[in-house]
Amino acid sequence: MSRWITKILDKIGSPELDWIQVEVSTRCNAACIYCPQPLLYKKQNMRFGLFKQLIPYLGYTNLVYLQGWGEPLLNPDIFDMIRVCKAKGKRVGFTTNGMLLNKETICRLVDLETDILSVSLAGTSPATHNRIRRGTDLVKIIENLDLLQQISAQKGALRPALHLAYLMWASNFHELQEVVQLAKKLGAKQIVCSNMTLIMNETLCSEAIFTRQEKQQYFVSVLEAIAKEAQKENLIFAYKSPVLLDKSVQCSENICYSCVVNVTGEISPCVFTSPSLAQTDCQKSLLHIFQNHPSPCYPLSFGNIGKENLSRIWNKKEYHRFRRFHDPDITKTVIDPQPVPESCMSCYSSIVGTSF
């Protein structure tokens, strides 16, 4: 009886989430020059047994996104993870560097009716992309995506929908003007352009386009023109504003309606607060650059899915307090706003302009 009552209470307190993001691996076969992954102390895959403990909570969302600080396809259990989510009627997607999309892998993803396959790009020419995303090869990635189109056509499959995830840098921004035609050639449905909001090395500061105030009008006009071109081709073109604001706005990480489960089951508000960013070997935090100064990353966990259920973690006072700070409806009505959480004080996600 007590177990039945507990289940009822958990259901009453369960959140309604836009998505649950699950970090299935912190291993990677690439070495992108901007990514914190090479600096992580522990590089591992999420155990399938731990993932299965999420099954009771999949009812809280319609989308499960299998993505963290590593390459998802390095976890051999990813196909079983997708299968579990699809059996529960959920949409499933993940982001990949595209290098492991061979025939067998593509066939399995198509047969499982994976909903979203997003491929990371940092240029539309091999020279630019390969320089930034070391260990990957744009020519090979395009070959793999051509194969995806062929296999999907042979099977009469409409899924997965291909998305292109383009990281905007000052030195690759000019190539962004070719991305619509590349997307059209590859049969992509959506292009998503993001800023480098986590800067791991001071030498990369000038690559963050929102730091180049003298060129912001140029960046905006180009993005608006590409959006119009994409619309003519029936492509979705979503991008983050390149404008750096003077004060904090609503965080772009959807803190109030999503959560991140890291590779060991820790629940955090976003990937930038993930405990995966902790250097537990020397009890030091990873450092990143914020407004030209080194600042520590602040890993944050409100509980572990292997020890507590998601409803209880979500409803903890400290987690509620954190979300309350990021709730735009509450913030606007509070005369004395809450102090900025320590983990958010040196984050660009809330001071780089909104999404379009």
Protein backbone atom coordinates (compact mmCIF):
# COMPACT_ATOMS: atom_id res chain seq x y z
CA MET A 1 0.00 0.00 0.00
CA SER A 2 2.76 2.46 0.92
CA ARG A 3 4.50 1.80 -2.39
CA TRP A 4 1.24 2.50 -4.27
CA ILE A 5 0.72 5.76 -2.34
CA THR A 6 4.31 6.81 -3.11
CA LYS A 7 3.73 6.27 -6.83
CA ILE A 8 0.54 8.36 -6.73
CA LEU A 9 2.29 11.21 -4.90
CA ASP A 10 5.21 11.10 -7.32
CA LYS A 11 2.82 11.31 -10.26
CA ILE A 12 1.05 14.31 -8.73
CA GLY A 13 4.35 16.14 -8.30
CA SER A 14 5.79 15.14 -11.66
CA PRO A 15 6.99 17.96 -13.96
CA GLU A 16 5.85 18.58 -17.53
CA LEU A 17 9.04 18.97 -19.53
CA ASP A 18 9.74 20.07 -23.08
CA TRP A 19 12.58 17.56 -23.14
CA ILE A 20 14.88 15.45 -21.01
CA GLN A 21 18.50 15.57 -22.12
CA VAL A 22 20.53 12.47 -21.30
CA GLU A 23 24.31 12.36 -21.55
CA VAL A 24 24.94 8.83 -22.82
CA SER A 25 28.71 9.25 -23.20
CA THR A 26 31.57 11.55 -22.23
CA ARG A 27 33.93 9.73 -24.60
CA CYS A 28 34.69 11.24 -28.00
CA ASN A 29 36.54 10.30 -31.19
CA ALA A 30 37.21 13.96 -32.05
CA ALA A 31 39.22 16.74 -30.41
CA CYS A 32 37.42 19.98 -31.25
CA ILE A 33 39.62 22.91 -30.27
CA TYR A 34 36.84 24.70 -28.36
CA CYS A 35 35.33 21.75 -26.47
CA PRO A 36 35.90 20.92 -22.78
CA GLN A 37 35.58 17.17 -23.47
CA PRO A 38 39.35 16.50 -23.77
CA LEU A 39 39.78 18.07 -20.31
CA LEU A 40 37.23 15.87 -18.58
CA TYR A 41 38.67 13.63 -15.89
CA LYS A 42 36.28 10.72 -16.46
CA LYS A 43 35.46 9.62 -19.99
CA GLN A 44 32.83 6.91 -19.86
CA ASN A 45 29.53 5.63 -21.21
CA MET A 46 26.24 5.66 -19.34
CA ARG A 47 25.33 2.15 -18.26
CA PHE A 48 22.15 0.81 -19.84
CA GLY A 49 21.03 -0.31 -16.38
CA LEU A 50 21.18 3.29 -15.18
CA PHE A 51 19.36 4.52 -18.28
CA LYS A 52 16.54 2.07 -17.64
CA GLN A 53 15.91 3.76 -14.31
CA LEU A 54 14.68 6.75 -16.34
CA ILE A 55 11.91 4.71 -17.97
CA PRO A 56 9.22 5.52 -15.34
CA TYR A 57 9.84 9.25 -15.90
CA LEU A 58 9.69 9.31 -19.70
CA GLY A 59 6.01 10.17 -19.31
CA TYR A 60 7.11 13.62 -18.15
CA THR A 61 8.18 14.62 -21.67
CA ASN A 62 7.64 13.96 -25.36
CA LEU A 63 11.31 14.33 -26.37
CA VAL A 64 14.37 12.50 -25.06
CA TYR A 65 17.63 13.96 -26.39
CA LEU A 66 20.64 11.68 -25.99
CA GLN A 67 23.40 14.26 -25.87
CA GLY A 68 26.04 15.57 -23.49
CA TRP A 69 29.76 16.34 -23.65
CA GLY A 70 30.71 13.29 -25.72
CA GLU A 71 29.88 11.40 -28.92
CA PRO A 72 26.65 9.41 -28.38
CA LEU A 73 27.47 6.76 -30.99
CA LEU A 74 30.45 5.62 -28.91
CA ASN A 75 27.98 4.09 -26.46
CA PRO A 76 27.07 0.66 -27.92
CA ASP A 77 23.82 0.71 -25.93
CA ILE A 78 22.47 3.79 -27.72
CA PHE A 79 20.30 1.66 -30.01
CA ASP A 80 18.67 -0.06 -27.04
CA MET A 81 18.19 3.35 -25.42
CA ILE A 82 16.44 4.62 -28.55
CA ARG A 83 14.33 1.46 -28.70
CA VAL A 84 13.17 1.91 -25.10
CA CYS A 85 12.15 5.52 -25.71
CA LYS A 86 10.32 4.73 -28.94
CA ALA A 87 8.46 1.87 -27.22
CA LYS A 88 7.15 4.49 -24.78
CA GLY A 89 5.94 6.64 -27.68
CA LYS A 90 8.62 9.31 -27.27
CA ARG A 91 10.47 11.33 -29.87
CA VAL A 92 14.21 10.66 -29.73
CA GLY A 93 17.19 12.50 -31.12
CA PHE A 94 20.87 13.15 -30.63
CA THR A 95 23.75 15.22 -32.00
CA THR A 96 26.78 13.52 -33.56
CA ASN A 97 30.03 14.56 -35.21
CA GLY A 98 28.97 12.35 -38.12
CA MET A 99 32.15 10.29 -38.40
CA LEU A 100 30.60 7.03 -37.18
CA LEU A 101 27.59 7.05 -39.51
CA ASN A 102 28.46 3.92 -41.48
CA LYS A 103 25.93 1.77 -43.34
CA GLU A 104 25.14 -0.52 -40.40
CA THR A 105 24.65 2.37 -37.97
CA ILE A 106 22.46 4.32 -40.40
CA CYS A 107 20.29 1.27 -41.10
CA ARG A 108 19.73 0.71 -37.39
CA LEU A 109 18.85 4.37 -36.77
CA VAL A 110 16.41 4.35 -39.69
CA ASP A 111 14.83 1.03 -38.65
CA LEU A 112 14.38 2.34 -35.10
CA GLU A 113 12.60 5.41 -36.52
CA THR A 114 14.95 7.77 -34.71
CA ASP A 115 13.30 11.16 -34.98
CA ILE A 116 16.20 13.65 -35.07
CA LEU A 117 19.78 13.23 -36.23
CA SER A 118 21.73 16.45 -35.77
CA VAL A 119 25.23 16.73 -37.21
CA SER A 120 27.73 19.29 -35.92
CA LEU A 121 29.45 21.60 -38.40
CA ALA A 122 31.98 24.40 -37.99
CA GLY A 123 32.32 25.41 -41.62
CA THR A 124 31.12 24.45 -45.09
CA SER A 125 34.63 23.86 -46.45
CA PRO A 126 36.85 20.97 -45.28
CA ALA A 127 39.73 23.34 -44.49
CA THR A 128 37.67 25.42 -42.05
CA HIS A 129 35.56 22.66 -40.52
CA ASN A 130 38.50 20.27 -40.03
CA ARG A 131 40.65 23.01 -38.47
CA ILE A 132 38.07 23.70 -35.78
CA ARG A 133 36.59 20.23 -35.33
CA ARG A 134 39.87 18.29 -35.24
CA GLY A 135 39.58 14.56 -35.72
CA THR A 136 36.62 14.95 -38.08
CA ASP A 137 36.60 15.23 -41.87
CA LEU A 138 33.87 17.20 -43.63
CA VAL A 139 34.30 15.23 -46.86
CA LYS A 140 33.70 11.97 -44.98
CA ILE A 141 30.75 13.46 -43.07
CA ILE A 142 29.08 14.55 -46.32
CA GLU A 143 29.66 11.07 -47.78
CA ASN A 144 27.98 9.57 -44.72
CA LEU A 145 25.01 11.93 -45.01
CA ASP A 146 24.67 11.12 -48.70
CA LEU A 147 24.50 7.47 -47.64
CA LEU A 148 21.80 8.39 -45.10
CA GLN A 149 19.74 9.88 -47.93
CA GLN A 150 20.19 6.77 -50.08
CA ILE A 151 19.26 4.33 -47.33
CA SER A 152 16.26 6.40 -46.26
CA ALA A 153 15.04 6.51 -49.87
CA GLN A 154 15.50 2.76 -50.30
CA LYS A 155 13.52 2.06 -47.14
CA GLY A 156 10.92 4.73 -47.84
CA ALA A 157 11.72 6.25 -44.46
CA LEU A 158 10.91 9.82 -43.44
CA ARG A 159 13.01 9.60 -40.27
CA PRO A 160 15.43 10.55 -38.95
CA ALA A 161 15.02 14.22 -39.84
CA LEU A 162 18.48 15.60 -40.50
CA HIS A 163 19.45 18.82 -38.69
CA LEU A 164 22.70 20.71 -39.25
CA ALA A 165 24.14 22.29 -36.09
CA TYR A 166 26.49 25.11 -37.12
CA LEU A 167 28.80 26.69 -34.56
CA MET A 168 29.26 30.35 -35.49
CA TRP A 169 32.81 31.71 -35.21
CA ALA A 170 34.28 34.95 -36.50
CA SER A 171 36.61 32.94 -38.76
CA ASN A 172 33.91 30.66 -40.21
CA PHE A 173 31.01 33.09 -40.38
CA HIS A 174 31.55 33.87 -44.07
CA GLU A 175 31.01 30.19 -44.91
CA LEU A 176 27.62 30.23 -43.21
CA GLN A 177 26.26 31.78 -46.39
CA GLU A 178 26.73 28.40 -48.10
CA VAL A 179 24.91 26.38 -45.45
CA VAL A 180 21.43 26.57 -46.98
CA GLN A 181 22.59 25.04 -50.25
CA LEU A 182 24.54 22.38 -48.34
CA ALA A 183 21.45 21.57 -46.27
CA LYS A 184 19.35 21.34 -49.43
CA LYS A 185 21.88 18.99 -51.04
CA LEU A 186 21.93 16.73 -47.97
CA GLY A 187 18.16 16.68 -47.52
CA ALA A 188 18.32 18.42 -44.13
CA LYS A 189 15.12 19.77 -42.59
CA GLN A 190 16.59 22.29 -40.18
CA ILE A 191 19.69 24.41 -39.60
CA VAL A 192 20.53 25.54 -36.08
CA CYS A 193 23.27 28.15 -35.58
CA SER A 194 24.73 28.60 -32.12
CA ASN A 195 27.22 30.85 -30.36
CA MET A 196 30.32 29.65 -28.53
CA THR A 197 28.96 30.45 -25.07
CA LEU A 198 31.51 28.32 -23.20
CA ILE A 199 34.98 29.64 -24.01
CA MET A 200 37.66 27.31 -22.68
CA ASN A 201 40.75 29.20 -23.85
CA GLU A 202 41.51 32.92 -23.89
CA THR A 203 42.97 32.58 -27.40
CA LEU A 204 39.45 31.77 -28.63
CA CYS A 205 37.76 34.88 -27.19
CA SER A 206 37.98 36.75 -30.47
CA GLU A 207 36.22 33.87 -32.24
CA ALA A 208 33.02 34.41 -30.24
CA ILE A 209 31.03 36.62 -32.61
CA PHE A 210 29.17 38.34 -29.78
CA THR A 211 32.51 39.82 -28.62
CA ARG A 212 33.01 41.52 -32.01
CA GLN A 213 30.81 44.52 -31.38
CA GLU A 214 32.13 46.43 -34.38
CA LYS A 215 30.72 43.72 -36.70
CA GLN A 216 27.44 42.89 -34.96
CA GLN A 217 25.28 44.72 -37.49
CA TYR A 218 27.01 42.78 -40.27
CA PHE A 219 26.40 39.49 -38.45
CA VAL A 220 22.73 40.31 -37.91
CA SER A 221 22.13 41.33 -41.53
CA VAL A 222 23.77 38.16 -42.88
CA LEU A 223 21.75 35.94 -40.55
CA GLU A 224 18.52 37.67 -41.54
CA ALA A 225 19.36 37.20 -45.23
CA ILE A 226 20.13 33.50 -44.73
CA ALA A 227 16.84 33.08 -42.85
CA LYS A 228 14.97 34.45 -45.87
CA GLU A 229 16.88 32.16 -48.22
CA ALA A 230 16.12 29.17 -46.01
CA GLN A 231 12.43 30.06 -45.94
CA LYS A 232 12.32 30.00 -49.75
CA GLU A 233 13.78 26.48 -49.64
CA ASN A 234 11.26 25.37 -46.97
CA LEU A 235 14.05 24.95 -44.43
CA ILE A 236 13.83 25.89 -40.77
CA PHE A 237 16.68 28.26 -39.91
CA ALA A 238 17.10 28.90 -36.20
CA TYR A 239 19.90 31.02 -34.81
CA LYS A 240 21.12 32.73 -31.68
CA SER A 241 21.52 36.48 -31.80
CA PRO A 242 25.14 37.64 -32.06
CA VAL A 243 24.42 40.65 -29.86
CA LEU A 244 25.91 40.79 -26.37
CA LEU A 245 23.51 42.51 -23.96
CA ASP A 246 24.35 44.82 -21.07
CA LYS A 247 22.27 42.87 -18.58
CA SER A 248 20.92 39.41 -18.05
CA VAL A 249 17.82 38.25 -19.90
CA GLN A 250 16.00 34.93 -19.82
CA CYS A 251 18.47 32.04 -19.97
CA SER A 252 18.48 30.29 -23.33
CA GLU A 253 18.81 26.85 -21.73
CA ASN A 254 15.07 26.43 -20.95
CA ILE A 255 15.81 25.87 -17.26
CA CYS A 256 12.17 25.76 -16.15
CA TYR A 257 10.98 23.12 -18.61
CA SER A 258 13.87 20.72 -19.11
CA CYS A 259 16.64 18.96 -17.23
CA VAL A 260 19.92 17.21 -17.95
CA VAL A 261 20.87 13.74 -16.73
CA ASN A 262 24.62 13.31 -16.88
CA VAL A 263 26.53 10.13 -17.64
CA THR A 264 26.48 8.99 -13.99
CA GLY A 265 22.84 9.93 -13.35
CA GLU A 266 23.28 13.36 -11.75
CA ILE A 267 20.42 15.80 -12.45
CA SER A 268 21.42 19.35 -13.37
CA PRO A 269 19.60 22.31 -14.97
CA CYS A 270 21.77 22.46 -18.11
CA VAL A 271 24.93 21.07 -19.71
CA PHE A 272 26.94 24.06 -18.49
CA THR A 273 26.26 23.09 -14.87
CA SER A 274 26.77 19.36 -15.47
CA PRO A 275 28.91 17.52 -12.89
CA SER A 276 30.70 16.02 -15.90
CA LEU A 277 32.66 19.29 -16.02
CA ALA A 278 34.24 18.61 -12.60
CA GLN A 279 37.89 17.62 -12.42
CA THR A 280 37.57 15.18 -9.56
CA ASP A 281 41.17 14.00 -9.86
CA CYS A 282 42.50 17.23 -8.38
CA GLN A 283 39.37 18.64 -6.74
CA LYS A 284 39.48 21.66 -9.05
CA SER A 285 36.84 23.04 -11.37
CA LEU A 286 37.49 23.49 -15.05
CA LEU A 287 38.19 27.09 -15.95
CA HIS A 288 36.51 28.99 -18.75
CA ILE A 289 36.81 32.57 -19.95
CA PHE A 290 34.06 35.05 -19.14
CA GLN A 291 34.39 38.70 -20.13
CA ASN A 292 38.15 38.25 -20.63
CA HIS A 293 38.77 36.72 -17.19
CA PRO A 294 39.24 33.10 -16.09
CA SER A 295 36.26 31.80 -14.16
CA PRO A 296 35.59 28.35 -12.68
CA CYS A 297 32.78 26.16 -13.92
CA TYR A 298 30.34 25.39 -11.10
CA PRO A 299 29.06 21.80 -11.40
CA LEU A 300 25.60 21.51 -9.92
CA SER A 301 23.55 18.43 -9.05
CA PHE A 302 20.18 18.30 -7.33
CA GLY A 303 20.14 14.52 -7.04
CA ASN A 304 20.98 11.25 -8.76
CA ILE A 305 18.45 9.28 -10.75
CA GLY A 306 20.05 6.08 -9.49
CA LYS A 307 19.14 6.99 -5.90
CA GLU A 308 16.02 9.17 -6.09
CA ASN A 309 13.09 9.49 -8.46
CA LEU A 310 12.88 12.46 -10.80
CA SER A 311 9.73 13.93 -9.22
CA ARG A 312 11.38 14.23 -5.82
CA ILE A 313 14.53 15.72 -7.30
CA TRP A 314 12.51 18.24 -9.36
CA ASN A 315 10.50 19.33 -6.32
CA LYS A 316 13.42 19.86 -3.96
CA LYS A 317 13.43 23.34 -2.44
CA GLU A 318 16.88 24.19 -3.75
CA TYR A 319 15.96 23.11 -7.30
CA HIS A 320 12.70 25.06 -7.13
CA ARG A 321 14.63 28.12 -5.92
CA PHE A 322 17.06 27.80 -8.84
CA ARG A 323 14.25 27.56 -11.39
CA ARG A 324 12.40 30.43 -9.75
CA PHE A 325 15.34 32.71 -10.51
CA HIS A 326 15.10 31.77 -14.20
CA ASP A 327 11.31 31.98 -14.47
CA PRO A 328 10.60 35.17 -16.48
CA ASP A 329 7.03 35.44 -15.22
CA ILE A 330 8.11 35.39 -11.58
CA THR A 331 11.17 37.57 -12.06
CA LYS A 332 9.11 40.36 -13.61
CA THR A 333 6.76 40.56 -10.65
CA VAL A 334 9.25 40.36 -7.79
CA ILE A 335 10.25 43.73 -6.38
CA ASP A 336 13.43 42.41 -4.80
CA PRO A 337 14.86 39.86 -7.27
CA GLN A 338 16.78 36.86 -6.00
CA PRO A 339 20.57 36.87 -6.18
CA VAL A 340 22.11 35.31 -9.28
CA PRO A 341 23.03 31.65 -8.63
CA GLU A 342 26.78 31.19 -8.42
CA SER A 343 26.77 28.79 -11.36
CA CYS A 344 25.12 31.44 -13.57
CA MET A 345 27.21 34.48 -12.68
CA SER A 346 29.83 33.78 -15.35
CA CYS A 347 27.64 32.31 -18.08
CA TYR A 348 27.01 33.89 -21.47
CA SER A 349 23.74 32.01 -22.00
CA SER A 350 21.68 34.77 -20.37
CA ILE A 351 23.45 37.84 -21.78
CA VAL A 352 23.80 36.81 -25.40
CA GLY A 353 20.67 37.82 -27.30
CA THR A 354 17.59 35.71 -27.90
CA SER A 355 16.88 32.93 -30.39
CA PHE A 356 15.24 33.48 -33.77
